[in-house]
Amino acid sequence: MFIAMYTIVYGGMQASQANQWGPDIGKGIKSALRIFQIMEKPTQINAIDDIPGSIKCDRESFAGKIEFRNVWFRYPTRLQEWIFRGLNLTI
């Protein structure tokens, strides 16, 4: 009898704890569906196939760079811990 009572009480507690994540799971599913819709959207840039009308990247004629100068970053929840302090990076 004690095992049955323990099982009922413990099972009820676990069910109520699992229920609290329902809204977050729903938001996660909705966000994932939106991300997949964006990923499946066709683009004009196609570096692999020779499709008429598409823009193709050519390694020999490609020029440009990405540059970060004096980047400082920290998470809003951890204001004392800096992730980047004066980061300079050129790619």
Protein backbone atom coordinates (compact mmCIF):
# COMPACT_ATOMS: atom_id res chain seq x y z
CA MET A 1 0.00 0.00 0.00
CA PHE A 2 2.85 2.38 0.80
CA ILE A 3 4.40 1.74 -2.61
CA ALA A 4 1.10 2.50 -4.33
CA MET A 5 0.64 5.75 -2.35
CA TYR A 6 4.23 6.79 -2.99
CA THR A 7 3.82 6.10 -6.71
CA ILE A 8 0.61 8.16 -6.92
CA VAL A 9 2.09 11.12 -5.01
CA TYR A 10 5.41 11.05 -6.86
CA GLY A 11 3.70 10.66 -10.25
CA GLY A 12 1.42 13.62 -9.52
CA MET A 13 4.38 15.79 -8.56
CA GLN A 14 6.24 14.90 -11.74
CA ALA A 15 3.18 15.57 -13.91
CA SER A 16 2.72 19.02 -12.37
CA GLN A 17 6.41 19.85 -12.88
CA ALA A 18 6.25 18.74 -16.52
CA ASN A 19 3.16 20.89 -17.04
CA GLN A 20 5.01 24.10 -16.16
CA TRP A 21 7.17 23.76 -19.28
CA GLY A 22 4.19 23.63 -21.66
CA PRO A 23 4.17 27.33 -22.67
CA ASP A 24 7.94 27.35 -23.20
CA ILE A 25 7.79 24.22 -25.33
CA GLY A 26 5.05 25.82 -27.44
CA LYS A 27 7.16 28.95 -27.96
CA GLY A 28 10.17 26.81 -28.89
CA ILE A 29 8.21 24.85 -31.47
CA LYS A 30 6.81 28.06 -32.98
CA SER A 31 10.30 29.59 -33.16
CA ALA A 32 11.79 26.46 -34.73
CA LEU A 33 9.09 26.40 -37.41
CA ARG A 34 9.82 30.05 -38.24
CA ILE A 35 13.56 29.37 -38.45
CA PHE A 36 13.00 26.43 -40.80
CA GLN A 37 10.73 28.59 -42.98
CA ILE A 38 13.51 31.17 -43.29
CA MET A 39 16.10 28.48 -44.06
CA GLU A 40 13.95 26.94 -46.80
CA LYS A 41 13.35 30.28 -48.51
CA PRO A 42 15.15 30.30 -51.89
CA THR A 43 18.03 32.73 -52.35
CA GLN A 44 19.48 34.44 -55.41
CA ILE A 45 23.02 33.58 -54.34
CA ASN A 46 24.04 30.09 -55.43
CA ALA A 47 27.75 29.38 -55.28
CA ILE A 48 27.44 25.75 -56.38
CA ASP A 49 25.05 25.37 -59.33
CA ASP A 50 25.08 27.25 -62.64
CA ILE A 51 21.48 28.42 -62.66
CA PRO A 52 20.66 31.22 -65.11
CA GLY A 53 19.95 34.46 -63.27
CA SER A 54 21.70 33.40 -60.07
CA ILE A 55 24.69 35.21 -58.58
CA LYS A 56 27.81 33.04 -58.44
CA CYS A 57 30.83 33.61 -56.20
CA ASP A 58 34.18 33.34 -57.95
CA ARG A 59 37.19 32.75 -55.68
CA GLU A 60 39.61 34.58 -57.97
CA SER A 61 37.55 37.76 -58.27
CA PHE A 62 36.10 37.76 -54.75
CA ALA A 63 37.41 40.64 -52.63
CA GLY A 64 36.40 42.01 -49.28
CA LYS A 65 36.89 41.62 -45.57
CA ILE A 66 35.06 41.60 -42.29
CA GLU A 67 36.57 43.74 -39.57
CA PHE A 68 35.70 44.23 -35.91
CA ARG A 69 37.32 47.15 -34.09
CA ASN A 70 37.41 47.58 -30.33
CA VAL A 71 34.42 45.29 -29.60
CA TRP A 72 33.25 45.04 -26.00
CA PHE A 73 30.56 42.52 -25.08
CA ARG A 74 28.98 41.07 -21.96
CA TYR A 75 25.71 39.31 -21.27
CA PRO A 76 23.02 41.42 -19.56
CA THR A 77 22.65 38.82 -16.81
CA ARG A 78 26.40 38.81 -16.01
CA LEU A 79 27.45 42.43 -15.95
CA GLN A 80 30.72 41.72 -14.10
CA GLU A 81 32.03 39.17 -16.62
CA TRP A 82 33.19 40.51 -20.00
CA ILE A 83 33.22 38.17 -22.97
CA PHE A 84 35.16 40.55 -25.24
CA ARG A 85 37.22 43.54 -24.16
CA GLY A 86 38.64 45.59 -26.98
CA LEU A 87 38.46 42.76 -29.52
CA ASN A 88 40.03 43.58 -32.90
CA LEU A 89 39.55 40.99 -35.61
CA THR A 90 39.95 41.08 -39.39
CA ILE A 91 38.73 38.24 -41.58
